[in-house]
PDB file of N, CA and C in Angstrom:
ATOM      1  N   MET A   1      28.941  -3.937  -7.886  1.00  0.00           N
ATOM      2  CA  MET A   1      28.740  -2.531  -8.049  1.00  0.00           C
ATOM      3  C   MET A   1      27.438  -2.198  -8.650  1.00  0.00           C
ATOM      4  N   MET A   2      26.688  -1.231  -8.284  1.00  0.00           N
ATOM      5  CA  MET A   2      25.393  -0.751  -8.628  1.00  0.00           C
ATOM      6  C   MET A   2      25.590   0.125  -9.880  1.00  0.00           C
ATOM      7  N   ARG A   3      24.602  -0.372 -11.099  1.00  0.00           N
ATOM      8  CA  ARG A   3      24.577   0.514 -12.285  1.00  0.00           C
ATOM      9  C   ARG A   3      23.828   1.784 -11.684  1.00  0.00           C
ATOM     10  N   ALA A   4      24.486   2.928 -12.696  1.00  0.00           N
ATOM     11  CA  ALA A   4      23.970   4.220 -12.496  1.00  0.00           C
ATOM     12  C   ALA A   4      22.485   4.147 -12.683  1.00  0.00           C
ATOM     13  N   SER A   5      21.765   3.482 -13.402  1.00  0.00           N
ATOM     14  CA  SER A   5      20.391   3.527 -13.918  1.00  0.00           C
ATOM     15  C   SER A   5      19.521   3.114 -12.476  1.00  0.00           C
ATOM     16  N   ARG A   6      20.130   2.210 -11.782  1.00  0.00           N
ATOM     17  CA  ARG A   6      19.582   1.708 -10.618  1.00  0.00           C
ATOM     18  C   ARG A   6      19.586   2.782  -9.414  1.00  0.00           C
ATOM     19  N   ASN A   7      20.325   3.802  -9.701  1.00  0.00           N
ATOM     20  CA  ASN A   7      20.599   4.677  -8.687  1.00  0.00           C
ATOM     21  C   ASN A   7      19.400   6.016  -8.743  1.00  0.00           C
ATOM     22  N   HIS A   8      18.854   5.804  -9.827  1.00  0.00           N
ATOM     23  CA  HIS A   8      17.715   6.884 -10.311  1.00  0.00           C
ATOM     24  C   HIS A   8      16.462   6.543  -9.417  1.00  0.00           C
ATOM     25  N   PRO A   9      15.922   7.752  -9.024  1.00  0.00           N
ATOM     26  CA  PRO A   9      14.747   7.750  -8.203  1.00  0.00           C
ATOM     27  C   PRO A   9      13.423   7.180  -8.770  1.00  0.00           C
ATOM     28  N   GLY A  10      13.364   7.117 -10.344  1.00  0.00           N
ATOM     29  CA  GLY A  10      12.250   6.495 -11.008  1.00  0.00           C
ATOM     30  C   GLY A  10      12.522   5.142 -10.912  1.00  0.00           C
ATOM     31  N   TRP A  11      13.843   4.426 -10.887  1.00  0.00           N
ATOM     32  CA  TRP A  11      13.931   2.817 -10.682  1.00  0.00           C
ATOM     33  C   TRP A  11      13.416   2.557  -9.476  1.00  0.00           C
ATOM     34  N   TRP A  12      13.722   3.277  -8.248  1.00  0.00           N
ATOM     35  CA  TRP A  12      13.434   2.930  -7.052  1.00  0.00           C
ATOM     36  C   TRP A  12      11.698   3.041  -6.736  1.00  0.00           C
ATOM     37  N   ALA A  13      11.141   3.906  -7.587  1.00  0.00           N
ATOM     38  CA  ALA A  13       9.742   4.245  -7.489  1.00  0.00           C
ATOM     39  C   ALA A  13       9.246   2.933  -8.232  1.00  0.00           C
ATOM     40  N   ALA A  14       9.792   2.751  -9.540  1.00  0.00           N
ATOM     41  CA  ALA A  14       9.410   1.446 -10.024  1.00  0.00           C
ATOM     42  C   ALA A  14       9.261   0.050  -9.289  1.00  0.00           C
ATOM     43  N   LEU A  15      10.381  -0.093  -8.342  1.00  0.00           N
ATOM     44  CA  LEU A  15      10.709  -1.282  -7.576  1.00  0.00           C
ATOM     45  C   LEU A  15       9.622  -0.903  -6.571  1.00  0.00           C
ATOM     46  N   GLY A  16       9.505   0.006  -5.964  1.00  0.00           N
ATOM     47  CA  GLY A  16       8.371   0.200  -4.752  1.00  0.00           C
ATOM     48  C   GLY A  16       6.919  -0.090  -5.426  1.00  0.00           C
ATOM     49  N   HIS A  17       6.713   0.233  -6.475  1.00  0.00           N
ATOM     50  CA  HIS A  17       5.269  -0.153  -7.025  1.00  0.00           C
ATOM     51  C   HIS A  17       5.137  -1.474  -7.451  1.00  0.00           C
ATOM     52  N   ARG A  18       6.413  -2.142  -7.884  1.00  0.00           N
ATOM     53  CA  ARG A  18       6.217  -3.650  -8.047  1.00  0.00           C
ATOM     54  C   ARG A  18       6.219  -4.410  -6.713  1.00  0.00           C
ATOM     55  N   LEU A  19       7.010  -3.996  -5.932  1.00  0.00           N
ATOM     56  CA  LEU A  19       7.126  -4.869  -4.600  1.00  0.00           C
ATOM     57  C   LEU A  19       5.802  -4.725  -3.983  1.00  0.00           C
ATOM     58  N   SER A  20       5.118  -3.349  -3.776  1.00  0.00           N
ATOM     59  CA  SER A  20       3.815  -3.061  -2.936  1.00  0.00           C
ATOM     60  C   SER A  20       2.844  -3.926  -3.881  1.00  0.00           C
ATOM     61  N   GLY A  21       2.843  -4.086  -5.063  1.00  0.00           N
ATOM     62  CA  GLY A  21       1.778  -4.899  -5.729  1.00  0.00           C
ATOM     63  C   GLY A  21       1.916  -6.424  -5.386  1.00  0.00           C
ATOM     64  N   LEU A  22       3.202  -6.609  -5.501  1.00  0.00           N
ATOM     65  CA  LEU A  22       3.329  -8.219  -4.785  1.00  0.00           C
ATOM     66  C   LEU A  22       2.788  -8.661  -3.680  1.00  0.00           C
ATOM     67  N   ALA A  23       3.025  -7.683  -2.639  1.00  0.00           N
ATOM     68  CA  ALA A  23       2.719  -8.035  -1.320  1.00  0.00           C
ATOM     69  C   ALA A  23       1.361  -7.754  -1.202  1.00  0.00           C
ATOM     70  N   LEU A  24       0.543  -6.901  -1.902  1.00  0.00           N
ATOM     71  CA  LEU A  24      -0.855  -6.702  -1.746  1.00  0.00           C
ATOM     72  C   LEU A  24      -1.522  -7.898  -2.584  1.00  0.00           C
ATOM     73  N   ALA A  25      -0.867  -8.606  -3.432  1.00  0.00           N
ATOM     74  CA  ALA A  25      -1.484  -9.753  -4.261  1.00  0.00           C
ATOM     75  C   ALA A  25      -1.296 -11.258  -3.350  1.00  0.00           C
ATOM     76  N   LEU A  26      -0.283 -10.953  -2.379  1.00  0.00           N
ATOM     77  CA  LEU A  26      -0.167 -12.008  -1.376  1.00  0.00           C
ATOM     78  C   LEU A  26      -1.079 -11.965  -0.256  1.00  0.00           C
ATOM     79  N   PHE A  27      -1.717 -10.680   0.021  1.00  0.00           N
ATOM     80  CA  PHE A  27      -2.731 -10.485   0.964  1.00  0.00           C
ATOM     81  C   PHE A  27      -3.929 -10.900   0.475  1.00  0.00           C
ATOM     82  N   LEU A  28      -4.389 -10.979  -0.912  1.00  0.00           N
ATOM     83  CA  LEU A  28      -5.728 -11.000  -1.504  1.00  0.00           C
ATOM     84  C   LEU A  28      -6.140 -12.436  -0.935  1.00  0.00           C
ATOM     85  N   PRO A  29      -5.486 -13.591  -1.048  1.00  0.00           N
ATOM     86  CA  PRO A  29      -6.215 -15.010  -0.549  1.00  0.00           C
ATOM     87  C   PRO A  29      -6.748 -14.873   0.881  1.00  0.00           C
ATOM     88  N   VAL A  30      -5.754 -14.216   1.751  1.00  0.00           N
ATOM     89  CA  VAL A  30      -6.312 -14.173   3.272  1.00  0.00           C
ATOM     90  C   VAL A  30      -7.536 -13.367   3.266  1.00  0.00           C
ATOM     91  N   HIS A  31      -7.737 -12.354   2.401  1.00  0.00           N
ATOM     92  CA  HIS A  31      -8.907 -11.437   2.342  1.00  0.00           C
ATOM     93  C   HIS A  31     -10.092 -12.412   1.945  1.00  0.00           C
ATOM     94  N   PHE A  32      -9.947 -13.011   0.763  1.00  0.00           N
ATOM     95  CA  PHE A  32     -10.857 -13.951   0.343  1.00  0.00           C
ATOM     96  C   PHE A  32     -11.152 -14.831   1.309  1.00  0.00           C
ATOM     97  N   LEU A  33     -10.505 -15.618   1.999  1.00  0.00           N
ATOM     98  CA  LEU A  33     -10.773 -16.572   3.070  1.00  0.00           C
ATOM     99  C   LEU A  33     -11.693 -15.949   4.164  1.00  0.00           C
ATOM    100  N   VAL A  34     -11.372 -14.724   4.651  1.00  0.00           N
ATOM    101  CA  VAL A  34     -12.158 -13.986   5.594  1.00  0.00           C
ATOM    102  C   VAL A  34     -13.354 -13.810   5.106  1.00  0.00           C
ATOM    103  N   LEU A  35     -13.488 -13.104   3.846  1.00  0.00           N
ATOM    104  CA  LEU A  35     -14.822 -13.125   3.265  1.00  0.00           C
ATOM    105  C   LEU A  35     -15.664 -14.269   3.013  1.00  0.00           C
ATOM    106  N   GLY A  36     -15.078 -15.597   2.663  1.00  0.00           N
ATOM    107  CA  GLY A  36     -15.657 -16.959   2.579  1.00  0.00           C
ATOM    108  C   GLY A  36     -16.214 -17.108   4.093  1.00  0.00           C
ATOM    109  N   LEU A  37     -15.469 -16.790   5.042  1.00  0.00           N
ATOM    110  CA  LEU A  37     -15.990 -17.181   6.473  1.00  0.00           C
ATOM    111  C   LEU A  37     -17.153 -16.282   6.839  1.00  0.00           C
ATOM    112  N   ALA A  38     -17.111 -15.012   6.245  1.00  0.00           N
ATOM    113  CA  ALA A  38     -18.381 -14.327   6.611  1.00  0.00           C
ATOM    114  C   ALA A  38     -19.711 -15.066   5.951  1.00  0.00           C
ATOM    115  N   LEU A  39     -19.293 -15.361   4.748  1.00  0.00           N
ATOM    116  CA  LEU A  39     -20.562 -16.072   4.123  1.00  0.00           C
ATOM    117  C   LEU A  39     -20.846 -17.580   4.831  1.00  0.00           C
ATOM    118  N   ASP A  40     -19.840 -18.094   5.566  1.00  0.00           N
ATOM    119  CA  ASP A  40     -20.159 -19.464   6.211  1.00  0.00           C
ATOM    120  C   ASP A  40     -20.969 -19.219   7.356  1.00  0.00           C
ATOM    121  N   SER A  41     -20.464 -18.800   8.263  1.00  0.00           N
ATOM    122  CA  SER A  41     -21.298 -18.482   9.432  1.00  0.00           C
ATOM    123  C   SER A  41     -20.838 -17.290  10.170  1.00  0.00           C
ATOM    124  N   ASP A  42     -21.867 -17.023  11.170  1.00  0.00           N
ATOM    125  CA  ASP A  42     -21.631 -15.565  11.837  1.00  0.00           C
ATOM    126  C   ASP A  42     -20.589 -15.770  13.032  1.00  0.00           C
ATOM    127  N   ALA A  43     -20.566 -17.013  13.777  1.00  0.00           N
ATOM    128  CA  ALA A  43     -19.306 -17.473  14.607  1.00  0.00           C
ATOM    129  C   ALA A  43     -18.059 -17.620  14.103  1.00  0.00           C
ATOM    130  N   ALA A  44     -17.989 -18.028  12.916  1.00  0.00           N
ATOM    131  CA  ALA A  44     -16.594 -17.943  12.400  1.00  0.00           C
ATOM    132  C   ALA A  44     -16.017 -16.543  11.919  1.00  0.00           C
ATOM    133  N   LEU A  45     -16.896 -15.640  11.463  1.00  0.00           N
ATOM    134  CA  LEU A  45     -16.503 -14.242  11.371  1.00  0.00           C
ATOM    135  C   LEU A  45     -16.551 -13.510  12.785  1.00  0.00           C
ATOM    136  N   ASP A  46     -17.053 -13.839  13.618  1.00  0.00           N
ATOM    137  CA  ASP A  46     -16.698 -13.255  14.811  1.00  0.00           C
ATOM    138  C   ASP A  46     -15.634 -13.575  15.515  1.00  0.00           C
ATOM    139  N   SER A  47     -15.069 -14.763  15.356  1.00  0.00           N
ATOM    140  CA  SER A  47     -13.900 -15.089  15.862  1.00  0.00           C
ATOM    141  C   SER A  47     -12.725 -14.545  14.929  1.00  0.00           C
ATOM    142  N   VAL A  48     -13.003 -14.364  13.906  1.00  0.00           N
ATOM    143  CA  VAL A  48     -11.834 -13.705  12.968  1.00  0.00           C
ATOM    144  C   VAL A  48     -11.769 -12.202  13.594  1.00  0.00           C
ATOM    145  N   ILE A  49     -12.952 -11.641  13.796  1.00  0.00           N
ATOM    146  CA  ILE A  49     -12.866 -10.102  13.965  1.00  0.00           C
ATOM    147  C   ILE A  49     -12.176 -10.188  15.508  1.00  0.00           C
ATOM    148  N   ALA A  50     -12.606 -10.885  16.283  1.00  0.00           N
ATOM    149  CA  ALA A  50     -12.121 -10.974  17.760  1.00  0.00           C
ATOM    150  C   ALA A  50     -10.550 -10.996  17.724  1.00  0.00           C
ATOM    151  N   TRP A  51      -9.818 -11.797  16.617  1.00  0.00           N
ATOM    152  CA  TRP A  51      -8.541 -12.129  16.503  1.00  0.00           C
ATOM    153  C   TRP A  51      -7.973 -10.772  16.067  1.00  0.00           C
ATOM    154  N   THR A  52      -8.623 -10.106  15.369  1.00  0.00           N
ATOM    155  CA  THR A  52      -8.254  -8.687  14.454  1.00  0.00           C
ATOM    156  C   THR A  52      -7.705  -7.802  15.577  1.00  0.00           C
ATOM    157  N   ASP A  53      -8.154  -8.063  16.873  1.00  0.00           N
ATOM    158  CA  ASP A  53      -7.954  -7.047  17.910  1.00  0.00           C
ATOM    159  C   ASP A  53      -6.628  -7.085  18.468  1.00  0.00           C
ATOM    160  N   GLN A  54      -5.739  -7.994  18.060  1.00  0.00           N
ATOM    161  CA  GLN A  54      -4.510  -8.251  18.605  1.00  0.00           C
ATOM    162  C   GLN A  54      -3.621  -7.033  18.227  1.00  0.00           C
ATOM    163  N   PRO A  55      -2.515  -6.735  19.097  1.00  0.00           N
ATOM    164  CA  PRO A  55      -1.668  -5.674  18.413  1.00  0.00           C
ATOM    165  C   PRO A  55      -0.797  -5.885  17.175  1.00  0.00           C
ATOM    166  N   LEU A  56      -0.418  -7.156  17.238  1.00  0.00           N
ATOM    167  CA  LEU A  56       0.272  -7.522  15.847  1.00  0.00           C
ATOM    168  C   LEU A  56      -0.440  -7.288  14.769  1.00  0.00           C
ATOM    169  N   VAL A  57      -1.718  -7.702  14.757  1.00  0.00           N
ATOM    170  CA  VAL A  57      -2.770  -7.560  13.572  1.00  0.00           C
ATOM    171  C   VAL A  57      -3.075  -6.059  13.155  1.00  0.00           C
ATOM    172  N   LYS A  58      -3.136  -5.327  14.426  1.00  0.00           N
ATOM    173  CA  LYS A  58      -3.167  -3.929  14.243  1.00  0.00           C
ATOM    174  C   LYS A  58      -1.880  -3.322  13.382  1.00  0.00           C
ATOM    175  N   ILE A  59      -0.854  -3.716  13.612  1.00  0.00           N
ATOM    176  CA  ILE A  59       0.352  -3.506  12.934  1.00  0.00           C
ATOM    177  C   ILE A  59       0.345  -3.737  11.355  1.00  0.00           C
ATOM    178  N   ALA A  60      -0.004  -5.155  11.326  1.00  0.00           N
ATOM    179  CA  ALA A  60      -0.086  -5.426  10.157  1.00  0.00           C
ATOM    180  C   ALA A  60      -1.294  -4.639   9.228  1.00  0.00           C
ATOM    181  N   GLU A  61      -2.199  -4.395   9.785  1.00  0.00           N
ATOM    182  CA  GLU A  61      -3.157  -3.575   9.144  1.00  0.00           C
ATOM    183  C   GLU A  61      -2.518  -2.287   8.531  1.00  0.00           C
ATOM    184  N   TRP A  62      -1.875  -1.584   9.351  1.00  0.00           N
ATOM    185  CA  TRP A  62      -1.315  -0.405   9.017  1.00  0.00           C
ATOM    186  C   TRP A  62      -0.310  -0.555   8.041  1.00  0.00           C
ATOM    187  N   GLY A  63       0.408  -1.810   8.191  1.00  0.00           N
ATOM    188  CA  GLY A  63       1.265  -2.051   6.862  1.00  0.00           C
ATOM    189  C   GLY A  63       0.506  -2.190   5.506  1.00  0.00           C
ATOM    190  N   LEU A  64      -0.606  -2.859   5.608  1.00  0.00           N
ATOM    191  CA  LEU A  64      -1.607  -3.014   4.602  1.00  0.00           C
ATOM    192  C   LEU A  64      -1.865  -1.613   3.983  1.00  0.00           C
ATOM    193  N   VAL A  65      -2.337  -0.794   4.886  1.00  0.00           N
ATOM    194  CA  VAL A  65      -2.719   0.721   4.482  1.00  0.00           C
ATOM    195  C   VAL A  65      -1.493   1.210   3.672  1.00  0.00           C
ATOM    196  N   MET A  66      -0.355   1.097   4.183  1.00  0.00           N
ATOM    197  CA  MET A  66       0.752   1.852   3.940  1.00  0.00           C
ATOM    198  C   MET A  66       1.213   1.113   2.379  1.00  0.00           C
ATOM    199  N   LEU A  67       0.920  -0.163   2.228  1.00  0.00           N
ATOM    200  CA  LEU A  67       1.055  -0.648   0.803  1.00  0.00           C
ATOM    201  C   LEU A  67       0.135  -0.188  -0.106  1.00  0.00           C
ATOM    202  N   LEU A  68      -0.991  -0.124   0.143  1.00  0.00           N
ATOM    203  CA  LEU A  68      -2.053   0.593  -0.595  1.00  0.00           C
ATOM    204  C   LEU A  68      -1.900   1.835  -0.893  1.00  0.00           C
ATOM    205  N   THR A  69      -1.564   2.476  -0.143  1.00  0.00           N
ATOM    206  CA  THR A  69      -1.113   3.948  -0.287  1.00  0.00           C
ATOM    207  C   THR A  69       0.068   4.249  -1.274  1.00  0.00           C
ATOM    208  N   LEU A  70       0.970   3.484  -1.010  1.00  0.00           N
ATOM    209  CA  LEU A  70       2.222   3.565  -1.582  1.00  0.00           C
ATOM    210  C   LEU A  70       1.960   2.924  -3.204  1.00  0.00           C
ATOM    211  N   HIS A  71       1.335   1.766  -3.385  1.00  0.00           N
ATOM    212  CA  HIS A  71       0.995   1.407  -4.630  1.00  0.00           C
ATOM    213  C   HIS A  71      -0.026   2.340  -5.511  1.00  0.00           C
ATOM    214  N   LEU A  72      -0.809   2.937  -4.769  1.00  0.00           N
ATOM    215  CA  LEU A  72      -1.710   4.004  -5.422  1.00  0.00           C
ATOM    216  C   LEU A  72      -0.770   5.301  -5.745  1.00  0.00           C
ATOM    217  N   GLY A  73       0.315   5.640  -5.090  1.00  0.00           N
ATOM    218  CA  GLY A  73       0.842   6.643  -5.214  1.00  0.00           C
ATOM    219  C   GLY A  73       1.919   6.638  -6.349  1.00  0.00           C
ATOM    220  N   PHE A  74       2.441   5.324  -6.436  1.00  0.00           N
ATOM    221  CA  PHE A  74       3.375   5.069  -7.519  1.00  0.00           C
ATOM    222  C   PHE A  74       2.561   4.533  -8.552  1.00  0.00           C
ATOM    223  N   GLY A  75       1.367   4.166  -8.523  1.00  0.00           N
ATOM    224  CA  GLY A  75       0.664   4.081  -9.989  1.00  0.00           C
ATOM    225  C   GLY A  75       0.301   5.368 -10.280  1.00  0.00           C
ATOM    226  N   LEU A  76      -0.176   6.457  -9.774  1.00  0.00           N
ATOM    227  CA  LEU A  76      -0.345   7.609 -10.182  1.00  0.00           C
ATOM    228  C   LEU A  76       0.801   8.236 -10.767  1.00  0.00           C
ATOM    229  N   ARG A  77       1.992   7.868 -10.436  1.00  0.00           N
ATOM    230  CA  ARG A  77       3.378   8.409 -11.172  1.00  0.00           C
ATOM    231  C   ARG A  77       3.546   7.727 -12.256  1.00  0.00           C
ATOM    232  N   VAL A  78       3.115   6.396 -12.525  1.00  0.00           N
ATOM    233  CA  VAL A  78       3.256   5.749 -13.877  1.00  0.00           C
ATOM    234  C   VAL A  78       2.315   6.366 -14.766  1.00  0.00           C
ATOM    235  N   LEU A  79       0.843   6.587 -14.223  1.00  0.00           N
ATOM    236  CA  LEU A  79       0.081   7.493 -15.127  1.00  0.00           C
ATOM    237  C   LEU A  79       0.585   8.695 -15.605  1.00  0.00           C
ATOM    238  N   ALA A  80       1.061   9.437 -14.810  1.00  0.00           N
ATOM    239  CA  ALA A  80       1.830  10.795 -14.987  1.00  0.00           C
ATOM    240  C   ALA A  80       2.668  10.630 -15.920  1.00  0.00           C
ATOM    241  N   LEU A  81       3.545   9.619 -15.890  1.00  0.00           N
ATOM    242  CA  LEU A  81       4.703   9.569 -16.978  1.00  0.00           C
ATOM    243  C   LEU A  81       4.254   8.980 -18.201  1.00  0.00           C
ATOM    244  N   GLU A  82       3.084   8.430 -18.246  1.00  0.00           N
ATOM    245  CA  GLU A  82       2.362   8.053 -19.596  1.00  0.00           C
ATOM    246  C   GLU A  82       1.572   9.133 -20.269  1.00  0.00           C
ATOM    247  N   PHE A  83       1.011   9.821 -19.580  1.00  0.00           N
ATOM    248  CA  PHE A  83      -0.373  10.711 -20.181  1.00  0.00           C
ATOM    249  C   PHE A  83       0.152  12.417 -20.085  1.00  0.00           C
ATOM    250  N   LEU A  84       0.951  12.751 -19.268  1.00  0.00           N
ATOM    251  CA  LEU A  84       1.306  13.987 -19.067  1.00  0.00           C
ATOM    252  C   LEU A  84       2.702  14.353 -19.634  1.00  0.00           C
ATOM    253  N   PRO A  85       2.757  15.756 -20.013  1.00  0.00           N
ATOM    254  CA  PRO A  85       4.040  16.222 -20.264  1.00  0.00           C
ATOM    255  C   PRO A  85       4.989  16.336 -19.204  1.00  0.00           C
ATOM    256  N   TRP A  86       6.046  15.861 -19.090  1.00  0.00           N
ATOM    257  CA  TRP A  86       7.026  15.795 -17.965  1.00  0.00           C
ATOM    258  C   TRP A  86       7.754  17.382 -17.921  1.00  0.00           C
ATOM    259  N   ARG A  87       7.332  17.628 -16.576  1.00  0.00           N
ATOM    260  CA  ARG A  87       7.944  19.192 -16.218  1.00  0.00           C
ATOM    261  C   ARG A  87       8.265  19.111 -14.684  1.00  0.00           C
ATOM    262  N   ASP A  88       9.194  19.964 -14.285  1.00  0.00           N
ATOM    263  CA  ASP A  88       9.750  19.990 -12.917  1.00  0.00           C
ATOM    264  C   ASP A  88       8.596  20.082 -11.851  1.00  0.00           C
ATOM    265  N   PRO A  89       7.555  20.921 -12.082  1.00  0.00           N
ATOM    266  CA  PRO A  89       6.251  20.827 -11.088  1.00  0.00           C
ATOM    267  C   PRO A  89       5.742  19.598 -11.036  1.00  0.00           C
ATOM    268  N   LEU A  90       5.524  18.687 -11.846  1.00  0.00           N
ATOM    269  CA  LEU A  90       5.068  17.398 -11.665  1.00  0.00           C
ATOM    270  C   LEU A  90       5.938  16.686 -10.925  1.00  0.00           C
ATOM    271  N   LYS A  91       7.125  16.773 -10.825  1.00  0.00           N
ATOM    272  CA  LYS A  91       7.954  16.016  -9.878  1.00  0.00           C
ATOM    273  C   LYS A  91       7.696  16.256  -8.334  1.00  0.00           C
ATOM    274  N   THR A  92       7.358  17.736  -8.169  1.00  0.00           N
ATOM    275  CA  THR A  92       6.807  18.102  -6.847  1.00  0.00           C
ATOM    276  C   THR A  92       5.577  17.553  -6.445  1.00  0.00           C
ATOM    277  N   LEU A  93       4.808  17.508  -7.536  1.00  0.00           N
ATOM    278  CA  LEU A  93       3.162  17.001  -7.207  1.00  0.00           C
ATOM    279  C   LEU A  93       3.391  15.423  -6.794  1.00  0.00           C
ATOM    280  N   ILE A  94       4.277  14.731  -7.430  1.00  0.00           N
ATOM    281  CA  ILE A  94       4.549  13.305  -7.138  1.00  0.00           C
ATOM    282  C   ILE A  94       5.035  13.007  -5.664  1.00  0.00           C
ATOM    283  N   SER A  95       6.040  13.981  -5.389  1.00  0.00           N
ATOM    284  CA  SER A  95       6.626  13.901  -4.231  1.00  0.00           C
ATOM    285  C   SER A  95       5.549  14.303  -3.119  1.00  0.00           C
ATOM    286  N   LEU A  96       4.688  15.378  -3.397  1.00  0.00           N
ATOM    287  CA  LEU A  96       3.511  15.537  -2.339  1.00  0.00           C
ATOM    288  C   LEU A  96       2.473  14.355  -2.159  1.00  0.00           C
ATOM    289  N   GLY A  97       2.481  13.826  -3.217  1.00  0.00           N
ATOM    290  CA  GLY A  97       1.409  12.453  -3.269  1.00  0.00           C
ATOM    291  C   GLY A  97       2.091  11.482  -2.472  1.00  0.00           C
ATOM    292  N   ALA A  98       3.420  11.404  -2.479  1.00  0.00           N
ATOM    293  CA  ALA A  98       4.037  10.156  -1.724  1.00  0.00           C
ATOM    294  C   ALA A  98       3.955  10.754  -0.279  1.00  0.00           C
ATOM    295  N   GLY A  99       4.173  11.750  -0.014  1.00  0.00           N
ATOM    296  CA  GLY A  99       4.210  12.394   1.514  1.00  0.00           C
ATOM    297  C   GLY A  99       2.458  12.197   1.839  1.00  0.00           C
ATOM    298  N   ALA A 100       1.558  12.436   1.283  1.00  0.00           N
ATOM    299  CA  ALA A 100       0.261  12.183   1.491  1.00  0.00           C
ATOM    300  C   ALA A 100      -0.261  10.854   1.675  1.00  0.00           C
ATOM    301  N   SER A 101       0.384  10.052   1.089  1.00  0.00           N
ATOM    302  CA  SER A 101       0.412   8.606   1.171  1.00  0.00           C
ATOM    303  C   SER A 101       0.938   8.172   2.607  1.00  0.00           C
ATOM    304  N   LEU A 102       2.012   8.856   3.015  1.00  0.00           N
ATOM    305  CA  LEU A 102       2.825   8.220   4.216  1.00  0.00           C
ATOM    306  C   LEU A 102       1.921   8.998   5.275  1.00  0.00           C
ATOM    307  N   VAL A 103       1.449  10.147   5.296  1.00  0.00           N
ATOM    308  CA  VAL A 103       0.588  10.945   6.359  1.00  0.00           C
ATOM    309  C   VAL A 103      -0.637   9.880   6.455  1.00  0.00           C
ATOM    310  N   ALA A 104      -1.288   9.437   5.474  1.00  0.00           N
ATOM    311  CA  ALA A 104      -2.500   8.845   5.453  1.00  0.00           C
ATOM    312  C   ALA A 104      -2.543   7.242   6.241  1.00  0.00           C
ATOM    313  N   GLY A 105      -1.158   6.878   6.033  1.00  0.00           N
ATOM    314  CA  GLY A 105      -1.080   5.536   6.568  1.00  0.00           C
ATOM    315  C   GLY A 105      -0.858   5.698   8.058  1.00  0.00           C
ATOM    316  N   LEU A 106      -0.293   7.083   8.588  1.00  0.00           N
ATOM    317  CA  LEU A 106       0.275   7.306   9.848  1.00  0.00           C
ATOM    318  C   LEU A 106      -0.929   7.640  10.577  1.00  0.00           C
ATOM    319  N   LEU A 107      -1.915   8.301  10.005  1.00  0.00           N
ATOM    320  CA  LEU A 107      -3.184   8.681  10.635  1.00  0.00           C
ATOM    321  C   LEU A 107      -3.818   7.498  10.850  1.00  0.00           C
ATOM    322  N   PHE A 108      -3.906   6.348   9.830  1.00  0.00           N
ATOM    323  CA  PHE A 108      -4.587   5.269  10.206  1.00  0.00           C
ATOM    324  C   PHE A 108      -4.036   4.453  11.313  1.00  0.00           C
ATOM    325  N   TRP A 109      -2.826   4.356  11.470  1.00  0.00           N
ATOM    326  CA  TRP A 109      -2.232   3.717  12.276  1.00  0.00           C
ATOM    327  C   TRP A 109      -2.531   4.510  13.929  1.00  0.00           C
ATOM    328  N   ILE A 110      -2.566   5.693  14.313  1.00  0.00           N
ATOM    329  CA  ILE A 110      -2.912   6.271  15.134  1.00  0.00           C
ATOM    330  C   ILE A 110      -4.286   6.126  15.496  1.00  0.00           C
ATOM    331  N   VAL A 111      -5.265   6.255  14.563  1.00  0.00           N
ATOM    332  CA  VAL A 111      -6.532   5.969  15.018  1.00  0.00           C
ATOM    333  C   VAL A 111      -6.678   4.573  15.566  1.00  0.00           C
ATOM    334  N   ALA A 112      -5.908   3.589  14.709  1.00  0.00           N
ATOM    335  CA  ALA A 112      -6.213   2.111  15.188  1.00  0.00           C
ATOM    336  C   ALA A 112      -5.793   1.676  16.532  1.00  0.00           C
ATOM    337  N   LEU A 113      -4.851   2.534  16.997  1.00  0.00           N
ATOM    338  CA  LEU A 113      -4.141   2.290  18.382  1.00  0.00           C
ATOM    339  C   LEU A 113      -5.204   2.823  19.293  1.00  0.00           C
TER     340      LEU A 113
END
């Protein structure tokens, strides 16, 4: 049985912030590997860039942008909780920020296809 505190939207937002941060942390070694290839040789970088034209990689890039925007949005929520007085309009702004994150990710996906 789920505790009442885990049914609160704030708990889910905190969970989303932590999970998106962990997923981004898992991506970082791959990113550094590609940067290392760019420093190593032009041919290695060109092969990685050619590999990124695959549809599955494009979907993964969309997922990465979604993770970044979610992490940013949830991080702004944490900052708002820490530094701003809590009011009902603030909840609306946070919801609008989450919606803007989703729209940004969807626009990136549309442009990438």
